[in-house]
Amino acid sequence: MIHPKPLALYPHASWHATWDLWSWGASKSSFLFTHYWWLQFGIVVPLVAVYAVGARKQALPVNLIAATSLSLLGLHLLF
């Protein structure tokens, strides 16, 4: 869980999750991007694969699936 403030474990809780993942996520990794970027990338890639499999089952053209997948990955790279 990457969040700028500690999250309550339940509504109006006095206990909060105190993991300091915000500073970890904002720090640069050894591969030019932040840790948070890599975490998001690890989520985006499997979801694009799920989309591609579902789109193939719906008999969508391969070039449309490839264009959509590359667009999503390109947007992730930019932002």
PDB file of N, CA and C in Angstrom:
ATOM      1  N   MET A   1       0.851  -1.156   0.000  1.00  0.00           N
ATOM      2  CA  MET A   1       0.000   0.000   0.000  1.00  0.00           C
ATOM      3  C   MET A   1       0.901   1.224   0.000  1.00  0.00           C
ATOM      4  N   ILE A   2       0.833   2.032  -1.042  1.00  0.00           N
ATOM      5  CA  ILE A   2       1.630   3.249  -1.124  1.00  0.00           C
ATOM      6  C   ILE A   2       0.673   4.420  -0.998  1.00  0.00           C
ATOM      7  N   HIS A   3       0.829   5.179   0.084  1.00  0.00           N
ATOM      8  CA  HIS A   3      -0.075   6.281   0.362  1.00  0.00           C
ATOM      9  C   HIS A   3       0.711   7.336   1.123  1.00  0.00           C
ATOM     10  N   PRO A   4       0.453   8.636   0.897  1.00  0.00           N
ATOM     11  CA  PRO A   4       1.271   9.662   1.554  1.00  0.00           C
ATOM     12  C   PRO A   4       1.078   9.743   3.065  1.00  0.00           C
ATOM     13  N   LYS A   5      -0.056   9.323   3.585  1.00  0.00           N
ATOM     14  CA  LYS A   5      -0.304   9.360   5.027  1.00  0.00           C
ATOM     15  C   LYS A   5      -0.643   7.953   5.512  1.00  0.00           C
ATOM     16  N   PRO A   6      -0.404   7.677   6.793  1.00  0.00           N
ATOM     17  CA  PRO A   6      -0.788   6.360   7.321  1.00  0.00           C
ATOM     18  C   PRO A   6      -2.297   6.134   7.181  1.00  0.00           C
ATOM     19  N   LEU A   7      -2.679   4.959   6.743  1.00  0.00           N
ATOM     20  CA  LEU A   7      -4.086   4.636   6.541  1.00  0.00           C
ATOM     21  C   LEU A   7      -4.667   3.969   7.773  1.00  0.00           C
ATOM     22  N   ALA A   8      -5.906   4.321   8.091  1.00  0.00           N
ATOM     23  CA  ALA A   8      -6.607   3.681   9.202  1.00  0.00           C
ATOM     24  C   ALA A   8      -6.936   2.250   8.804  1.00  0.00           C
ATOM     25  N   LEU A   9      -6.847   1.363   9.758  1.00  0.00           N
ATOM     26  CA  LEU A   9      -7.125  -0.040   9.472  1.00  0.00           C
ATOM     27  C   LEU A   9      -8.607  -0.294   9.280  1.00  0.00           C
ATOM     28  N   TYR A  10      -9.454   0.569   9.841  1.00  0.00           N
ATOM     29  CA  TYR A  10     -10.902   0.539   9.652  1.00  0.00           C
ATOM     30  C   TYR A  10     -11.403   1.961   9.930  1.00  0.00           C
ATOM     31  N   PRO A  11     -12.615   2.330   9.550  1.00  0.00           N
ATOM     32  CA  PRO A  11     -13.086   3.708   9.736  1.00  0.00           C
ATOM     33  C   PRO A  11     -13.016   4.153  11.200  1.00  0.00           C
ATOM     34  N   HIS A  12     -12.486   5.331  11.413  1.00  0.00           N
ATOM     35  CA  HIS A  12     -12.350   5.960  12.736  1.00  0.00           C
ATOM     36  C   HIS A  12     -11.462   5.157  13.689  1.00  0.00           C
ATOM     37  N   ALA A  13     -10.539   4.419  13.154  1.00  0.00           N
ATOM     38  CA  ALA A  13      -9.644   3.606  13.979  1.00  0.00           C
ATOM     39  C   ALA A  13      -8.577   4.476  14.616  1.00  0.00           C
ATOM     40  N   SER A  14      -8.155   4.086  15.793  1.00  0.00           N
ATOM     41  CA  SER A  14      -7.037   4.785  16.418  1.00  0.00           C
ATOM     42  C   SER A  14      -5.706   4.193  15.941  1.00  0.00           C
ATOM     43  N   TRP A  15      -5.750   2.977  15.427  1.00  0.00           N
ATOM     44  CA  TRP A  15      -4.559   2.332  14.887  1.00  0.00           C
ATOM     45  C   TRP A  15      -4.480   2.599  13.397  1.00  0.00           C
ATOM     46  N   HIS A  16      -3.277   2.856  12.908  1.00  0.00           N
ATOM     47  CA  HIS A  16      -3.053   3.119  11.492  1.00  0.00           C
ATOM     48  C   HIS A  16      -1.895   2.252  10.988  1.00  0.00           C
ATOM     49  N   ALA A  17      -1.941   1.938   9.714  1.00  0.00           N
ATOM     50  CA  ALA A  17      -0.817   1.245   9.086  1.00  0.00           C
ATOM     51  C   ALA A  17       0.319   2.254   8.970  1.00  0.00           C
ATOM     52  N   THR A  18       1.439   1.974   9.572  1.00  0.00           N
ATOM     53  CA  THR A  18       2.511   2.965   9.650  1.00  0.00           C
ATOM     54  C   THR A  18       3.665   2.687   8.688  1.00  0.00           C
ATOM     55  N   TRP A  19       3.431   1.868   7.693  1.00  0.00           N
ATOM     56  CA  TRP A  19       4.492   1.598   6.735  1.00  0.00           C
ATOM     57  C   TRP A  19       4.799   2.875   5.977  1.00  0.00           C
ATOM     58  N   ASP A  20       6.070   3.192   5.843  1.00  0.00           N
ATOM     59  CA  ASP A  20       6.476   4.401   5.129  1.00  0.00           C
ATOM     60  C   ASP A  20       6.842   4.048   3.686  1.00  0.00           C
ATOM     61  N   LEU A  21       5.849   3.585   2.958  1.00  0.00           N
ATOM     62  CA  LEU A  21       6.112   3.184   1.572  1.00  0.00           C
ATOM     63  C   LEU A  21       6.100   4.358   0.617  1.00  0.00           C
ATOM     64  N   TRP A  22       5.592   5.519   1.061  1.00  0.00           N
ATOM     65  CA  TRP A  22       5.551   6.675   0.173  1.00  0.00           C
ATOM     66  C   TRP A  22       6.970   7.115  -0.189  1.00  0.00           C
ATOM     67  N   SER A  23       7.843   7.210   0.788  1.00  0.00           N
ATOM     68  CA  SER A  23       9.222   7.613   0.485  1.00  0.00           C
ATOM     69  C   SER A  23       9.946   6.523  -0.302  1.00  0.00           C
ATOM     70  N   TRP A  24       9.639   5.246  -0.001  1.00  0.00           N
ATOM     71  CA  TRP A  24      10.233   4.158  -0.784  1.00  0.00           C
ATOM     72  C   TRP A  24       9.761   4.219  -2.230  1.00  0.00           C
ATOM     73  N   GLY A  25       8.464   4.443  -2.435  1.00  0.00           N
ATOM     74  CA  GLY A  25       7.917   4.492  -3.787  1.00  0.00           C
ATOM     75  C   GLY A  25       8.420   5.665  -4.591  1.00  0.00           C
ATOM     76  N   ALA A  26       8.683   6.788  -3.929  1.00  0.00           N
ATOM     77  CA  ALA A  26       9.146   7.981  -4.627  1.00  0.00           C
ATOM     78  C   ALA A  26      10.638   7.943  -4.922  1.00  0.00           C
ATOM     79  N   SER A  27      11.382   7.056  -4.277  1.00  0.00           N
ATOM     80  CA  SER A  27      12.825   7.000  -4.513  1.00  0.00           C
ATOM     81  C   SER A  27      13.133   6.282  -5.820  1.00  0.00           C
ATOM     82  N   LYS A  28      14.233   6.673  -6.423  1.00  0.00           N
ATOM     83  CA  LYS A  28      14.630   6.088  -7.709  1.00  0.00           C
ATOM     84  C   LYS A  28      15.201   4.693  -7.509  1.00  0.00           C
ATOM     85  N   SER A  29      14.857   3.824  -8.438  1.00  0.00           N
ATOM     86  CA  SER A  29      15.463   2.492  -8.422  1.00  0.00           C
ATOM     87  C   SER A  29      16.712   2.533  -9.290  1.00  0.00           C
ATOM     88  N   SER A  30      17.388   1.433  -9.413  1.00  0.00           N
ATOM     89  CA  SER A  30      18.610   1.400 -10.222  1.00  0.00           C
ATOM     90  C   SER A  30      18.313   1.329 -11.720  1.00  0.00           C
ATOM     91  N   PHE A  31      17.036   1.265 -12.097  1.00  0.00           N
ATOM     92  CA  PHE A  31      16.663   1.173 -13.507  1.00  0.00           C
ATOM     93  C   PHE A  31      15.952   2.434 -13.986  1.00  0.00           C
ATOM     94  N   LEU A  32      16.379   3.606 -13.559  1.00  0.00           N
ATOM     95  CA  LEU A  32      15.959   4.931 -14.023  1.00  0.00           C
ATOM     96  C   LEU A  32      14.584   5.397 -13.566  1.00  0.00           C
ATOM     97  N   PHE A  33      13.683   4.539 -13.195  1.00  0.00           N
ATOM     98  CA  PHE A  33      12.351   4.938 -12.780  1.00  0.00           C
ATOM     99  C   PHE A  33      12.207   4.770 -11.269  1.00  0.00           C
ATOM    100  N   THR A  34      11.131   5.335 -10.722  1.00  0.00           N
ATOM    101  CA  THR A  34      10.887   5.186  -9.288  1.00  0.00           C
ATOM    102  C   THR A  34      10.352   3.786  -8.987  1.00  0.00           C
ATOM    103  N   HIS A  35      10.448   3.421  -7.723  1.00  0.00           N
ATOM    104  CA  HIS A  35       9.897   2.126  -7.317  1.00  0.00           C
ATOM    105  C   HIS A  35       8.394   2.089  -7.576  1.00  0.00           C
ATOM    106  N   TYR A  36       7.703   3.205  -7.347  1.00  0.00           N
ATOM    107  CA  TYR A  36       6.262   3.261  -7.570  1.00  0.00           C
ATOM    108  C   TYR A  36       5.927   3.003  -9.040  1.00  0.00           C
ATOM    109  N   TRP A  37       6.748   3.524  -9.956  1.00  0.00           N
ATOM    110  CA  TRP A  37       6.530   3.297 -11.387  1.00  0.00           C
ATOM    111  C   TRP A  37       6.626   1.802 -11.689  1.00  0.00           C
ATOM    112  N   TRP A  38       7.626   1.147 -11.118  1.00  0.00           N
ATOM    113  CA  TRP A  38       7.794  -0.289 -11.356  1.00  0.00           C
ATOM    114  C   TRP A  38       6.651  -1.094 -10.762  1.00  0.00           C
ATOM    115  N   LEU A  39       6.149  -0.671  -9.620  1.00  0.00           N
ATOM    116  CA  LEU A  39       4.999  -1.341  -9.017  1.00  0.00           C
ATOM    117  C   LEU A  39       3.778  -1.229  -9.919  1.00  0.00           C
ATOM    118  N   GLN A  40       3.536  -0.029 -10.438  1.00  0.00           N
ATOM    119  CA  GLN A  40       2.426   0.159 -11.367  1.00  0.00           C
ATOM    120  C   GLN A  40       2.628  -0.651 -12.642  1.00  0.00           C
ATOM    121  N   PHE A  41       3.850  -0.699 -13.133  1.00  0.00           N
ATOM    122  CA  PHE A  41       4.153  -1.468 -14.339  1.00  0.00           C
ATOM    123  C   PHE A  41       3.854  -2.949 -14.120  1.00  0.00           C
ATOM    124  N   GLY A  42       4.177  -3.436 -12.928  1.00  0.00           N
ATOM    125  CA  GLY A  42       3.892  -4.823 -12.595  1.00  0.00           C
ATOM    126  C   GLY A  42       2.402  -5.127 -12.524  1.00  0.00           C
ATOM    127  N   ILE A  43       1.588  -4.112 -12.350  1.00  0.00           N
ATOM    128  CA  ILE A  43       0.138  -4.280 -12.353  1.00  0.00           C
ATOM    129  C   ILE A  43      -0.417  -4.116 -13.766  1.00  0.00           C
ATOM    130  N   VAL A  44       0.125  -3.161 -14.529  1.00  0.00           N
ATOM    131  CA  VAL A  44      -0.383  -2.872 -15.872  1.00  0.00           C
ATOM    132  C   VAL A  44      -0.130  -4.039 -16.831  1.00  0.00           C
ATOM    133  N   VAL A  45       1.037  -4.626 -16.787  1.00  0.00           N
ATOM    134  CA  VAL A  45       1.386  -5.689 -17.745  1.00  0.00           C
ATOM    135  C   VAL A  45       0.450  -6.899 -17.642  1.00  0.00           C
ATOM    136  N   PRO A  46       0.187  -7.440 -16.458  1.00  0.00           N
ATOM    137  CA  PRO A  46      -0.767  -8.560 -16.410  1.00  0.00           C
ATOM    138  C   PRO A  46      -2.183  -8.163 -16.842  1.00  0.00           C
ATOM    139  N   LEU A  47      -2.592  -6.931 -16.537  1.00  0.00           N
ATOM    140  CA  LEU A  47      -3.924  -6.496 -16.962  1.00  0.00           C
ATOM    141  C   LEU A  47      -4.011  -6.344 -18.474  1.00  0.00           C
ATOM    142  N   VAL A  48      -2.932  -5.902 -19.105  1.00  0.00           N
ATOM    143  CA  VAL A  48      -2.907  -5.842 -20.575  1.00  0.00           C
ATOM    144  C   VAL A  48      -2.971  -7.258 -21.141  1.00  0.00           C
ATOM    145  N   ALA A  49      -2.310  -8.203 -20.491  1.00  0.00           N
ATOM    146  CA  ALA A  49      -2.366  -9.598 -20.944  1.00  0.00           C
ATOM    147  C   ALA A  49      -3.784 -10.149 -20.810  1.00  0.00           C
ATOM    148  N   VAL A  50      -4.473  -9.830 -19.727  1.00  0.00           N
ATOM    149  CA  VAL A  50      -5.865 -10.270 -19.554  1.00  0.00           C
ATOM    150  C   VAL A  50      -6.736  -9.671 -20.653  1.00  0.00           C
ATOM    151  N   TYR A  51      -6.519  -8.387 -20.954  1.00  0.00           N
ATOM    152  CA  TYR A  51      -7.255  -7.750 -22.051  1.00  0.00           C
ATOM    153  C   TYR A  51      -6.988  -8.460 -23.374  1.00  0.00           C
ATOM    154  N   ALA A  52      -5.725  -8.752 -23.659  1.00  0.00           N
ATOM    155  CA  ALA A  52      -5.367  -9.377 -24.931  1.00  0.00           C
ATOM    156  C   ALA A  52      -6.010 -10.755 -25.085  1.00  0.00           C
ATOM    157  N   VAL A  53      -6.006 -11.533 -24.025  1.00  0.00           N
ATOM    158  CA  VAL A  53      -6.623 -12.862 -24.082  1.00  0.00           C
ATOM    159  C   VAL A  53      -8.126 -12.736 -24.311  1.00  0.00           C
ATOM    160  N   GLY A  54      -8.770 -11.839 -23.582  1.00  0.00           N
ATOM    161  CA  GLY A  54     -10.209 -11.635 -23.759  1.00  0.00           C
ATOM    162  C   GLY A  54     -10.558 -11.101 -25.133  1.00  0.00           C
ATOM    163  N   ALA A  55      -9.731 -10.212 -25.644  1.00  0.00           N
ATOM    164  CA  ALA A  55      -9.977  -9.649 -26.967  1.00  0.00           C
ATOM    165  C   ALA A  55      -9.811 -10.704 -28.056  1.00  0.00           C
ATOM    166  N   ARG A  56      -8.848 -11.604 -27.888  1.00  0.00           N
ATOM    167  CA  ARG A  56      -8.675 -12.693 -28.867  1.00  0.00           C
ATOM    168  C   ARG A  56      -9.877 -13.631 -28.848  1.00  0.00           C
ATOM    169  N   LYS A  57     -10.443 -13.869 -27.652  1.00  0.00           N
ATOM    170  CA  LYS A  57     -11.625 -14.730 -27.562  1.00  0.00           C
ATOM    171  C   LYS A  57     -12.834 -14.078 -28.217  1.00  0.00           C
ATOM    172  N   GLN A  58     -12.849 -12.745 -28.249  1.00  0.00           N
ATOM    173  CA  GLN A  58     -13.926 -12.006 -28.906  1.00  0.00           C
ATOM    174  C   GLN A  58     -13.654 -11.826 -30.401  1.00  0.00           C
ATOM    175  N   ALA A  59     -12.561 -12.385 -30.882  1.00  0.00           N
ATOM    176  CA  ALA A  59     -12.168 -12.365 -32.288  1.00  0.00           C
ATOM    177  C   ALA A  59     -11.888 -10.945 -32.798  1.00  0.00           C
ATOM    178  N   LEU A  60     -11.313 -10.106 -31.944  1.00  0.00           N
ATOM    179  CA  LEU A  60     -10.887  -8.785 -32.395  1.00  0.00           C
ATOM    180  C   LEU A  60      -9.619  -8.930 -33.230  1.00  0.00           C
ATOM    181  N   PRO A  61      -9.402  -8.040 -34.184  1.00  0.00           N
ATOM    182  CA  PRO A  61      -8.194  -8.134 -35.011  1.00  0.00           C
ATOM    183  C   PRO A  61      -6.921  -7.984 -34.174  1.00  0.00           C
ATOM    184  N   VAL A  62      -5.910  -8.742 -34.542  1.00  0.00           N
ATOM    185  CA  VAL A  62      -4.653  -8.739 -33.806  1.00  0.00           C
ATOM    186  C   VAL A  62      -4.014  -7.356 -33.818  1.00  0.00           C
ATOM    187  N   ASN A  63      -4.113  -6.640 -34.953  1.00  0.00           N
ATOM    188  CA  ASN A  63      -3.491  -5.319 -35.013  1.00  0.00           C
ATOM    189  C   ASN A  63      -4.183  -4.332 -34.067  1.00  0.00           C
ATOM    190  N   LEU A  64      -5.476  -4.474 -33.849  1.00  0.00           N
ATOM    191  CA  LEU A  64      -6.186  -3.617 -32.904  1.00  0.00           C
ATOM    192  C   LEU A  64      -5.754  -3.923 -31.469  1.00  0.00           C
ATOM    193  N   ILE A  65      -5.609  -5.186 -31.154  1.00  0.00           N
ATOM    194  CA  ILE A  65      -5.160  -5.585 -29.815  1.00  0.00           C
ATOM    195  C   ILE A  65      -3.742  -5.073 -29.569  1.00  0.00           C
ATOM    196  N   ALA A  66      -2.874  -5.229 -30.558  1.00  0.00           N
ATOM    197  CA  ALA A  66      -1.491  -4.767 -30.410  1.00  0.00           C
ATOM    198  C   ALA A  66      -1.434  -3.250 -30.266  1.00  0.00           C
ATOM    199  N   ALA A  67      -2.210  -2.526 -31.048  1.00  0.00           N
ATOM    200  CA  ALA A  67      -2.216  -1.063 -30.965  1.00  0.00           C
ATOM    201  C   ALA A  67      -2.716  -0.594 -29.607  1.00  0.00           C
ATOM    202  N   THR A  68      -3.763  -1.229 -29.102  1.00  0.00           N
ATOM    203  CA  THR A  68      -4.292  -0.859 -27.792  1.00  0.00           C
ATOM    204  C   THR A  68      -3.288  -1.168 -26.692  1.00  0.00           C
ATOM    205  N   SER A  69      -2.685  -2.338 -26.753  1.00  0.00           N
ATOM    206  CA  SER A  69      -1.710  -2.731 -25.727  1.00  0.00           C
ATOM    207  C   SER A  69      -0.491  -1.813 -25.745  1.00  0.00           C
ATOM    208  N   LEU A  70       0.019  -1.508 -26.921  1.00  0.00           N
ATOM    209  CA  LEU A  70       1.177  -0.609 -27.014  1.00  0.00           C
ATOM    210  C   LEU A  70       0.824   0.800 -26.576  1.00  0.00           C
ATOM    211  N   SER A  71      -0.396   1.232 -26.854  1.00  0.00           N
ATOM    212  CA  SER A  71      -0.828   2.557 -26.396  1.00  0.00           C
ATOM    213  C   SER A  71      -0.871   2.625 -24.876  1.00  0.00           C
ATOM    214  N   LEU A  72      -1.421   1.593 -24.244  1.00  0.00           N
ATOM    215  CA  LEU A  72      -1.470   1.564 -22.786  1.00  0.00           C
ATOM    216  C   LEU A  72      -0.075   1.547 -22.175  1.00  0.00           C
ATOM    217  N   LEU A  73       0.794   0.731 -22.711  1.00  0.00           N
ATOM    218  CA  LEU A  73       2.150   0.663 -22.186  1.00  0.00           C
ATOM    219  C   LEU A  73       2.917   1.959 -22.461  1.00  0.00           C
ATOM    220  N   GLY A  74       2.661   2.588 -23.610  1.00  0.00           N
ATOM    221  CA  GLY A  74       3.277   3.870 -23.915  1.00  0.00           C
ATOM    222  C   GLY A  74       2.823   4.971 -22.985  1.00  0.00           C
ATOM    223  N   LEU A  75       1.520   4.983 -22.667  1.00  0.00           N
ATOM    224  CA  LEU A  75       1.004   5.963 -21.713  1.00  0.00           C
ATOM    225  C   LEU A  75       1.636   5.754 -20.340  1.00  0.00           C
ATOM    226  N   HIS A  76       1.807   4.510 -19.956  1.00  0.00           N
ATOM    227  CA  HIS A  76       2.456   4.243 -18.672  1.00  0.00           C
ATOM    228  C   HIS A  76       3.889   4.738 -18.682  1.00  0.00           C
ATOM    229  N   LEU A  77       4.563   4.568 -19.795  1.00  0.00           N
ATOM    230  CA  LEU A  77       5.954   5.014 -19.902  1.00  0.00           C
ATOM    231  C   LEU A  77       6.045   6.540 -19.795  1.00  0.00           C
ATOM    232  N   LEU A  78       5.070   7.247 -20.375  1.00  0.00           N
ATOM    233  CA  LEU A  78       5.089   8.704 -20.339  1.00  0.00           C
ATOM    234  C   LEU A  78       4.739   9.277 -18.971  1.00  0.00           C
ATOM    235  N   PHE A  79       3.810   8.634 -18.302  1.00  0.00           N
ATOM    236  CA  PHE A  79       3.347   9.197 -17.032  1.00  0.00           C
ATOM    237  C   PHE A  79       3.820   8.346 -15.898  1.00  0.00           C
TER     238      PHE A  79
END
